[in-house]
């Protein structure tokens, strides 16, 4: 039995690449991913995504989180609406 196993860091676990094939990082949880999309998104056409693709991303993240943590989704909706 070995106690000092090397564990994967958050940076290693969330590492991905962006549209330019450069290093980028994904949110660590579905809740963080949803909050990132809701807070940072204006749902308008951009160079990388159309507004329909962005909305589909928000909708998919919402459904993934709502099944697991509906209270978080409600609190996030309240925050997005008031702030």
PDB file of N, CA and C in Angstrom:
ATOM      1  N   UNK A   1       0.850  -1.177   0.000  1.00  0.00           N
ATOM      2  CA  UNK A   1       0.000   0.000   0.000  1.00  0.00           C
ATOM      3  C   UNK A   1       0.896   1.240   0.000  1.00  0.00           C
ATOM      4  N   UNK A   2       0.653   2.119  -0.949  1.00  0.00           N
ATOM      5  CA  UNK A   2       1.469   3.318  -1.072  1.00  0.00           C
ATOM      6  C   UNK A   2       0.621   4.541  -0.761  1.00  0.00           C
ATOM      7  N   UNK A   3       1.118   5.384   0.133  1.00  0.00           N
ATOM      8  CA  UNK A   3       0.345   6.541   0.577  1.00  0.00           C
ATOM      9  C   UNK A   3       0.654   7.815  -0.195  1.00  0.00           C
ATOM     10  N   UNK A   4       1.812   7.890  -0.775  1.00  0.00           N
ATOM     11  CA  UNK A   4       2.232   9.120  -1.428  1.00  0.00           C
ATOM     12  C   UNK A   4       2.039   9.065  -2.939  1.00  0.00           C
ATOM     13  N   UNK A   5       0.877   8.652  -3.365  1.00  0.00           N
ATOM     14  CA  UNK A   5       0.579   8.648  -4.793  1.00  0.00           C
ATOM     15  C   UNK A   5       0.522  10.086  -5.304  1.00  0.00           C
ATOM     16  N   UNK A   6       1.061  10.291  -6.464  1.00  0.00           N
ATOM     17  CA  UNK A   6       0.999  11.611  -7.089  1.00  0.00           C
ATOM     18  C   UNK A   6      -0.393  11.764  -7.696  1.00  0.00           C
ATOM     19  N   UNK A   7      -1.069  12.815  -7.273  1.00  0.00           N
ATOM     20  CA  UNK A   7      -2.414  13.062  -7.768  1.00  0.00           C
ATOM     21  C   UNK A   7      -2.376  14.132  -8.850  1.00  0.00           C
ATOM     22  N   UNK A   8      -3.333  14.053  -9.717  1.00  0.00           N
ATOM     23  CA  UNK A   8      -3.447  15.023 -10.798  1.00  0.00           C
ATOM     24  C   UNK A   8      -3.864  16.383 -10.223  1.00  0.00           C
ATOM     25  N   UNK A   9      -3.211  17.445 -10.657  1.00  0.00           N
ATOM     26  CA  UNK A   9      -3.558  18.785 -10.187  1.00  0.00           C
ATOM     27  C   UNK A   9      -4.791  19.292 -10.934  1.00  0.00           C
ATOM     28  N   UNK A  10      -5.377  20.352 -10.417  1.00  0.00           N
ATOM     29  CA  UNK A  10      -6.537  20.961 -11.078  1.00  0.00           C
ATOM     30  C   UNK A  10      -6.145  21.432 -12.471  1.00  0.00           C
ATOM     31  N   UNK A  11      -4.954  22.024 -12.588  1.00  0.00           N
ATOM     32  CA  UNK A  11      -4.498  22.505 -13.896  1.00  0.00           C
ATOM     33  C   UNK A  11      -4.375  21.355 -14.888  1.00  0.00           C
ATOM     34  N   UNK A  12      -3.843  20.238 -14.448  1.00  0.00           N
ATOM     35  CA  UNK A  12      -3.707  19.084 -15.334  1.00  0.00           C
ATOM     36  C   UNK A  12      -5.070  18.499 -15.695  1.00  0.00           C
ATOM     37  N   UNK A  13      -5.987  18.492 -14.735  1.00  0.00           N
ATOM     38  CA  UNK A  13      -7.309  17.899 -14.944  1.00  0.00           C
ATOM     39  C   UNK A  13      -8.178  18.740 -15.874  1.00  0.00           C
ATOM     40  N   UNK A  14      -7.970  20.058 -15.868  1.00  0.00           N
ATOM     41  CA  UNK A  14      -8.843  20.944 -16.630  1.00  0.00           C
ATOM     42  C   UNK A  14      -8.194  21.488 -17.895  1.00  0.00           C
ATOM     43  N   UNK A  15      -6.987  21.067 -18.194  1.00  0.00           N
ATOM     44  CA  UNK A  15      -6.262  21.591 -19.358  1.00  0.00           C
ATOM     45  C   UNK A  15      -6.927  21.159 -20.664  1.00  0.00           C
ATOM     46  N   UNK A  16      -6.994  22.090 -21.584  1.00  0.00           N
ATOM     47  CA  UNK A  16      -7.555  21.842 -22.907  1.00  0.00           C
ATOM     48  C   UNK A  16      -6.851  22.779 -23.884  1.00  0.00           C
ATOM     49  N   UNK A  17      -7.354  22.892 -25.085  1.00  0.00           N
ATOM     50  CA  UNK A  17      -6.792  23.861 -26.027  1.00  0.00           C
ATOM     51  C   UNK A  17      -7.913  24.741 -26.561  1.00  0.00           C
ATOM     52  N   UNK A  18      -7.561  25.966 -26.919  1.00  0.00           N
ATOM     53  CA  UNK A  18      -8.557  26.900 -27.427  1.00  0.00           C
ATOM     54  C   UNK A  18      -8.640  26.830 -28.949  1.00  0.00           C
ATOM     55  N   UNK A  19      -9.337  27.783 -29.563  1.00  0.00           N
ATOM     56  CA  UNK A  19      -9.532  27.773 -31.015  1.00  0.00           C
ATOM     57  C   UNK A  19      -8.234  27.957 -31.790  1.00  0.00           C
ATOM     58  N   UNK A  20      -7.233  28.511 -31.142  1.00  0.00           N
ATOM     59  CA  UNK A  20      -5.924  28.713 -31.778  1.00  0.00           C
ATOM     60  C   UNK A  20      -4.959  27.577 -31.438  1.00  0.00           C
ATOM     61  N   UNK A  21      -5.470  26.497 -30.873  1.00  0.00           N
ATOM     62  CA  UNK A  21      -4.678  25.349 -30.432  1.00  0.00           C
ATOM     63  C   UNK A  21      -3.615  25.727 -29.401  1.00  0.00           C
ATOM     64  N   UNK A  22      -3.923  26.710 -28.576  1.00  0.00           N
ATOM     65  CA  UNK A  22      -3.054  27.109 -27.479  1.00  0.00           C
ATOM     66  C   UNK A  22      -3.639  26.576 -26.171  1.00  0.00           C
ATOM     67  N   UNK A  23      -2.840  26.602 -25.127  1.00  0.00           N
ATOM     68  CA  UNK A  23      -3.261  26.069 -23.840  1.00  0.00           C
ATOM     69  C   UNK A  23      -4.407  26.899 -23.266  1.00  0.00           C
ATOM     70  N   UNK A  24      -5.408  26.203 -22.755  1.00  0.00           N
ATOM     71  CA  UNK A  24      -6.545  26.837 -22.108  1.00  0.00           C
ATOM     72  C   UNK A  24      -7.022  25.890 -21.010  1.00  0.00           C
ATOM     73  N   UNK A  25      -7.985  26.344 -20.220  1.00  0.00           N
ATOM     74  CA  UNK A  25      -8.477  25.535 -19.109  1.00  0.00           C
ATOM     75  C   UNK A  25      -9.995  25.575 -19.071  1.00  0.00           C
ATOM     76  N   UNK A  26     -10.592  24.424 -18.843  1.00  0.00           N
ATOM     77  CA  UNK A  26     -12.035  24.299 -18.683  1.00  0.00           C
ATOM     78  C   UNK A  26     -12.377  24.453 -17.207  1.00  0.00           C
ATOM     79  N   UNK A  27     -13.586  24.913 -16.875  1.00  0.00           N
ATOM     80  CA  UNK A  27     -13.997  24.954 -15.475  1.00  0.00           C
ATOM     81  C   UNK A  27     -13.938  23.549 -14.857  1.00  0.00           C
ATOM     82  N   UNK A  28     -13.695  23.510 -13.557  1.00  0.00           N
ATOM     83  CA  UNK A  28     -13.481  22.255 -12.847  1.00  0.00           C
ATOM     84  C   UNK A  28     -14.778  21.498 -12.563  1.00  0.00           C
ATOM     85  N   UNK A  29     -15.917  22.158 -12.615  1.00  0.00           N
ATOM     86  CA  UNK A  29     -17.184  21.484 -12.327  1.00  0.00           C
ATOM     87  C   UNK A  29     -18.270  22.021 -13.255  1.00  0.00           C
ATOM     88  N   UNK A  30     -19.368  21.311 -13.309  1.00  0.00           N
ATOM     89  CA  UNK A  30     -20.493  21.738 -14.142  1.00  0.00           C
ATOM     90  C   UNK A  30     -21.068  23.061 -13.640  1.00  0.00           C
ATOM     91  N   UNK A  31     -21.079  23.267 -12.316  1.00  0.00           N
ATOM     92  CA  UNK A  31     -21.590  24.520 -11.754  1.00  0.00           C
ATOM     93  C   UNK A  31     -20.720  25.704 -12.188  1.00  0.00           C
ATOM     94  N   UNK A  32     -19.410  25.526 -12.125  1.00  0.00           N
ATOM     95  CA  UNK A  32     -18.514  26.598 -12.562  1.00  0.00           C
ATOM     96  C   UNK A  32     -18.652  26.875 -14.057  1.00  0.00           C
ATOM     97  N   UNK A  33     -18.826  25.827 -14.835  1.00  0.00           N
ATOM     98  CA  UNK A  33     -18.998  26.005 -16.282  1.00  0.00           C
ATOM     99  C   UNK A  33     -20.264  26.802 -16.574  1.00  0.00           C
ATOM    100  N   UNK A  34     -21.359  26.482 -15.888  1.00  0.00           N
ATOM    101  CA  UNK A  34     -22.612  27.204 -16.094  1.00  0.00           C
ATOM    102  C   UNK A  34     -22.481  28.654 -15.660  1.00  0.00           C
ATOM    103  N   UNK A  35     -21.885  28.889 -14.505  1.00  0.00           N
ATOM    104  CA  UNK A  35     -21.706  30.266 -14.024  1.00  0.00           C
ATOM    105  C   UNK A  35     -20.854  31.062 -14.996  1.00  0.00           C
ATOM    106  N   UNK A  36     -19.799  30.469 -15.520  1.00  0.00           N
ATOM    107  CA  UNK A  36     -18.922  31.146 -16.489  1.00  0.00           C
ATOM    108  C   UNK A  36     -19.705  31.539 -17.736  1.00  0.00           C
ATOM    109  N   UNK A  37     -20.497  30.632 -18.255  1.00  0.00           N
ATOM    110  CA  UNK A  37     -21.265  30.912 -19.472  1.00  0.00           C
ATOM    111  C   UNK A  37     -22.308  31.987 -19.217  1.00  0.00           C
ATOM    112  N   UNK A  38     -23.014  31.906 -18.090  1.00  0.00           N
ATOM    113  CA  UNK A  38     -24.081  32.868 -17.793  1.00  0.00           C
ATOM    114  C   UNK A  38     -23.514  34.262 -17.554  1.00  0.00           C
ATOM    115  N   UNK A  39     -22.440  34.349 -16.791  1.00  0.00           N
ATOM    116  CA  UNK A  39     -21.903  35.655 -16.419  1.00  0.00           C
ATOM    117  C   UNK A  39     -21.157  36.323 -17.575  1.00  0.00           C
ATOM    118  N   UNK A  40     -20.467  35.546 -18.393  1.00  0.00           N
ATOM    119  CA  UNK A  40     -19.618  36.115 -19.437  1.00  0.00           C
ATOM    120  C   UNK A  40     -20.252  36.172 -20.812  1.00  0.00           C
ATOM    121  N   UNK A  41     -21.482  35.759 -20.960  1.00  0.00           N
ATOM    122  CA  UNK A  41     -22.071  35.629 -22.277  1.00  0.00           C
ATOM    123  C   UNK A  41     -23.103  36.707 -22.549  1.00  0.00           C
ATOM    124  N   UNK A  42     -23.037  37.283 -23.737  1.00  0.00           N
ATOM    125  CA  UNK A  42     -24.043  38.247 -24.169  1.00  0.00           C
ATOM    126  C   UNK A  42     -24.973  37.646 -25.216  1.00  0.00           C
ATOM    127  N   UNK A  43     -24.720  36.392 -25.587  1.00  0.00           N
ATOM    128  CA  UNK A  43     -25.531  35.684 -26.578  1.00  0.00           C
ATOM    129  C   UNK A  43     -25.678  36.477 -27.876  1.00  0.00           C
ATOM    130  N   UNK A  44     -24.539  36.854 -28.424  1.00  0.00           N
ATOM    131  CA  UNK A  44     -24.522  37.512 -29.732  1.00  0.00           C
ATOM    132  C   UNK A  44     -23.429  36.856 -30.571  1.00  0.00           C
ATOM    133  N   UNK A  45     -23.525  37.017 -31.865  1.00  0.00           N
ATOM    134  CA  UNK A  45     -22.548  36.400 -32.759  1.00  0.00           C
ATOM    135  C   UNK A  45     -21.135  36.871 -32.420  1.00  0.00           C
ATOM    136  N   UNK A  46     -20.217  35.921 -32.432  1.00  0.00           N
ATOM    137  CA  UNK A  46     -18.797  36.235 -32.258  1.00  0.00           C
ATOM    138  C   UNK A  46     -18.032  35.568 -33.389  1.00  0.00           C
ATOM    139  N   UNK A  47     -16.743  35.772 -33.400  1.00  0.00           N
ATOM    140  CA  UNK A  47     -15.896  35.173 -34.434  1.00  0.00           C
ATOM    141  C   UNK A  47     -15.937  33.652 -34.365  1.00  0.00           C
ATOM    142  N   UNK A  48     -16.012  33.107 -33.154  1.00  0.00           N
ATOM    143  CA  UNK A  48     -15.912  31.661 -32.965  1.00  0.00           C
ATOM    144  C   UNK A  48     -17.262  30.938 -32.932  1.00  0.00           C
ATOM    145  N   UNK A  49     -18.307  31.602 -32.465  1.00  0.00           N
ATOM    146  CA  UNK A  49     -19.606  30.941 -32.307  1.00  0.00           C
ATOM    147  C   UNK A  49     -20.743  31.881 -32.699  1.00  0.00           C
ATOM    148  N   UNK A  50     -21.797  31.291 -33.230  1.00  0.00           N
ATOM    149  CA  UNK A  50     -22.999  32.079 -33.502  1.00  0.00           C
ATOM    150  C   UNK A  50     -23.805  32.193 -32.210  1.00  0.00           C
ATOM    151  N   UNK A  51     -24.792  33.072 -32.218  1.00  0.00           N
ATOM    152  CA  UNK A  51     -25.622  33.210 -31.020  1.00  0.00           C
ATOM    153  C   UNK A  51     -26.409  31.930 -30.737  1.00  0.00           C
ATOM    154  N   UNK A  52     -26.794  31.184 -31.776  1.00  0.00           N
ATOM    155  CA  UNK A  52     -27.512  29.924 -31.574  1.00  0.00           C
ATOM    156  C   UNK A  52     -26.611  28.882 -30.902  1.00  0.00           C
ATOM    157  N   UNK A  53     -25.350  28.827 -31.305  1.00  0.00           N
ATOM    158  CA  UNK A  53     -24.410  27.887 -30.695  1.00  0.00           C
ATOM    159  C   UNK A  53     -24.144  28.251 -29.233  1.00  0.00           C
ATOM    160  N   UNK A  54     -24.053  29.540 -28.956  1.00  0.00           N
ATOM    161  CA  UNK A  54     -23.854  29.976 -27.578  1.00  0.00           C
ATOM    162  C   UNK A  54     -25.067  29.634 -26.718  1.00  0.00           C
ATOM    163  N   UNK A  55     -26.257  29.849 -27.255  1.00  0.00           N
ATOM    164  CA  UNK A  55     -27.466  29.511 -26.507  1.00  0.00           C
ATOM    165  C   UNK A  55     -27.550  28.009 -26.247  1.00  0.00           C
ATOM    166  N   UNK A  56     -27.187  27.208 -27.222  1.00  0.00           N
ATOM    167  CA  UNK A  56     -27.180  25.751 -27.036  1.00  0.00           C
ATOM    168  C   UNK A  56     -26.195  25.360 -25.942  1.00  0.00           C
ATOM    169  N   UNK A  57     -25.072  26.046 -25.866  1.00  0.00           N
ATOM    170  CA  UNK A  57     -24.086  25.787 -24.811  1.00  0.00           C
ATOM    171  C   UNK A  57     -24.668  26.111 -23.435  1.00  0.00           C
ATOM    172  N   UNK A  58     -25.334  27.243 -23.327  1.00  0.00           N
ATOM    173  CA  UNK A  58     -25.961  27.635 -22.060  1.00  0.00           C
ATOM    174  C   UNK A  58     -27.036  26.629 -21.682  1.00  0.00           C
ATOM    175  N   UNK A  59     -27.855  26.259 -22.641  1.00  0.00           N
ATOM    176  CA  UNK A  59     -28.937  25.318 -22.387  1.00  0.00           C
ATOM    177  C   UNK A  59     -28.407  23.951 -21.942  1.00  0.00           C
ATOM    178  N   UNK A  60     -27.365  23.475 -22.594  1.00  0.00           N
ATOM    179  CA  UNK A  60     -26.777  22.197 -22.224  1.00  0.00           C
ATOM    180  C   UNK A  60     -26.172  22.233 -20.835  1.00  0.00           C
ATOM    181  N   UNK A  61     -25.460  23.308 -20.519  1.00  0.00           N
ATOM    182  CA  UNK A  61     -24.875  23.452 -19.181  1.00  0.00           C
ATOM    183  C   UNK A  61     -25.968  23.549 -18.130  1.00  0.00           C
ATOM    184  N   UNK A  62     -27.024  24.282 -18.437  1.00  0.00           N
ATOM    185  CA  UNK A  62     -28.147  24.424 -17.509  1.00  0.00           C
ATOM    186  C   UNK A  62     -28.766  23.068 -17.189  1.00  0.00           C
ATOM    187  N   UNK A  63     -29.048  22.276 -18.225  1.00  0.00           N
ATOM    188  CA  UNK A  63     -29.679  20.975 -18.012  1.00  0.00           C
ATOM    189  C   UNK A  63     -28.783  20.026 -17.224  1.00  0.00           C
ATOM    190  N   UNK A  64     -27.479  20.072 -17.488  1.00  0.00           N
ATOM    191  CA  UNK A  64     -26.545  19.202 -16.778  1.00  0.00           C
ATOM    192  C   UNK A  64     -26.515  19.530 -15.284  1.00  0.00           C
ATOM    193  N   UNK A  65     -26.534  20.818 -14.965  1.00  0.00           N
ATOM    194  CA  UNK A  65     -26.457  21.225 -13.560  1.00  0.00           C
ATOM    195  C   UNK A  65     -27.810  21.098 -12.872  1.00  0.00           C
ATOM    196  N   UNK A  66     -28.894  21.403 -13.574  1.00  0.00           N
ATOM    197  CA  UNK A  66     -30.224  21.381 -12.962  1.00  0.00           C
ATOM    198  C   UNK A  66     -30.593  19.997 -12.437  1.00  0.00           C
ATOM    199  N   UNK A  67     -30.154  18.953 -13.113  1.00  0.00           N
ATOM    200  CA  UNK A  67     -30.448  17.596 -12.647  1.00  0.00           C
ATOM    201  C   UNK A  67     -29.737  17.288 -11.336  1.00  0.00           C
ATOM    202  N   UNK A  68     -28.516  17.780 -11.192  1.00  0.00           N
ATOM    203  CA  UNK A  68     -27.691  17.477 -10.019  1.00  0.00           C
ATOM    204  C   UNK A  68     -27.901  18.469  -8.877  1.00  0.00           C
ATOM    205  N   UNK A  69     -28.057  19.745  -9.209  1.00  0.00           N
ATOM    206  CA  UNK A  69     -28.079  20.781  -8.178  1.00  0.00           C
ATOM    207  C   UNK A  69     -29.055  21.897  -8.567  1.00  0.00           C
ATOM    208  N   UNK A  70     -30.367  21.640  -8.451  1.00  0.00           N
ATOM    209  CA  UNK A  70     -31.350  22.641  -8.890  1.00  0.00           C
ATOM    210  C   UNK A  70     -31.286  23.939  -8.085  1.00  0.00           C
ATOM    211  N   UNK A  71     -30.900  23.868  -6.826  1.00  0.00           N
ATOM    212  CA  UNK A  71     -30.808  25.073  -6.003  1.00  0.00           C
ATOM    213  C   UNK A  71     -29.747  26.036  -6.555  1.00  0.00           C
ATOM    214  N   UNK A  72     -28.630  25.501  -7.012  1.00  0.00           N
ATOM    215  CA  UNK A  72     -27.574  26.337  -7.596  1.00  0.00           C
ATOM    216  C   UNK A  72     -28.090  27.067  -8.825  1.00  0.00           C
ATOM    217  N   UNK A  73     -28.832  26.365  -9.667  1.00  0.00           N
ATOM    218  CA  UNK A  73     -29.358  26.969 -10.897  1.00  0.00           C
ATOM    219  C   UNK A  73     -30.301  28.125 -10.563  1.00  0.00           C
ATOM    220  N   UNK A  74     -31.150  27.929  -9.565  1.00  0.00           N
ATOM    221  CA  UNK A  74     -32.084  28.990  -9.176  1.00  0.00           C
ATOM    222  C   UNK A  74     -31.345  30.200  -8.611  1.00  0.00           C
ATOM    223  N   UNK A  75     -30.341  29.955  -7.791  1.00  0.00           N
ATOM    224  CA  UNK A  75     -29.564  31.064  -7.230  1.00  0.00           C
ATOM    225  C   UNK A  75     -28.785  31.800  -8.318  1.00  0.00           C
ATOM    226  N   UNK A  76     -28.248  31.059  -9.275  1.00  0.00           N
ATOM    227  CA  UNK A  76     -27.522  31.683 -10.383  1.00  0.00           C
ATOM    228  C   UNK A  76     -28.459  32.524 -11.246  1.00  0.00           C
ATOM    229  N   UNK A  77     -29.658  32.021 -11.498  1.00  0.00           N
ATOM    230  CA  UNK A  77     -30.639  32.784 -12.282  1.00  0.00           C
ATOM    231  C   UNK A  77     -31.003  34.084 -11.561  1.00  0.00           C
ATOM    232  N   UNK A  78     -31.171  34.005 -10.259  1.00  0.00           N
ATOM    233  CA  UNK A  78     -31.482  35.207  -9.483  1.00  0.00           C
ATOM    234  C   UNK A  78     -30.323  36.192  -9.560  1.00  0.00           C
ATOM    235  N   UNK A  79     -29.111  35.705  -9.401  1.00  0.00           N
ATOM    236  CA  UNK A  79     -27.927  36.573  -9.473  1.00  0.00           C
ATOM    237  C   UNK A  79     -27.816  37.227 -10.856  1.00  0.00           C
ATOM    238  N   UNK A  80     -27.979  36.435 -11.913  1.00  0.00           N
ATOM    239  CA  UNK A  80     -27.849  36.966 -13.270  1.00  0.00           C
ATOM    240  C   UNK A  80     -28.910  38.028 -13.552  1.00  0.00           C
ATOM    241  N   UNK A  81     -30.068  37.838 -13.007  1.00  0.00           N
ATOM    242  CA  UNK A  81     -31.140  38.771 -13.253  1.00  0.00           C
ATOM    243  C   UNK A  81     -30.960  40.083 -12.478  1.00  0.00           C
ATOM    244  N   UNK A  82     -30.471  39.967 -11.240  1.00  0.00           N
ATOM    245  CA  UNK A  82     -30.349  41.160 -10.400  1.00  0.00           C
ATOM    246  C   UNK A  82     -29.043  41.915 -10.629  1.00  0.00           C
ATOM    247  N   UNK A  83     -28.000  41.225 -10.982  1.00  0.00           N
ATOM    248  CA  UNK A  83     -26.698  41.862 -11.130  1.00  0.00           C
ATOM    249  C   UNK A  83     -26.437  42.202 -12.576  1.00  0.00           C
TER     250      UNK A  83
END
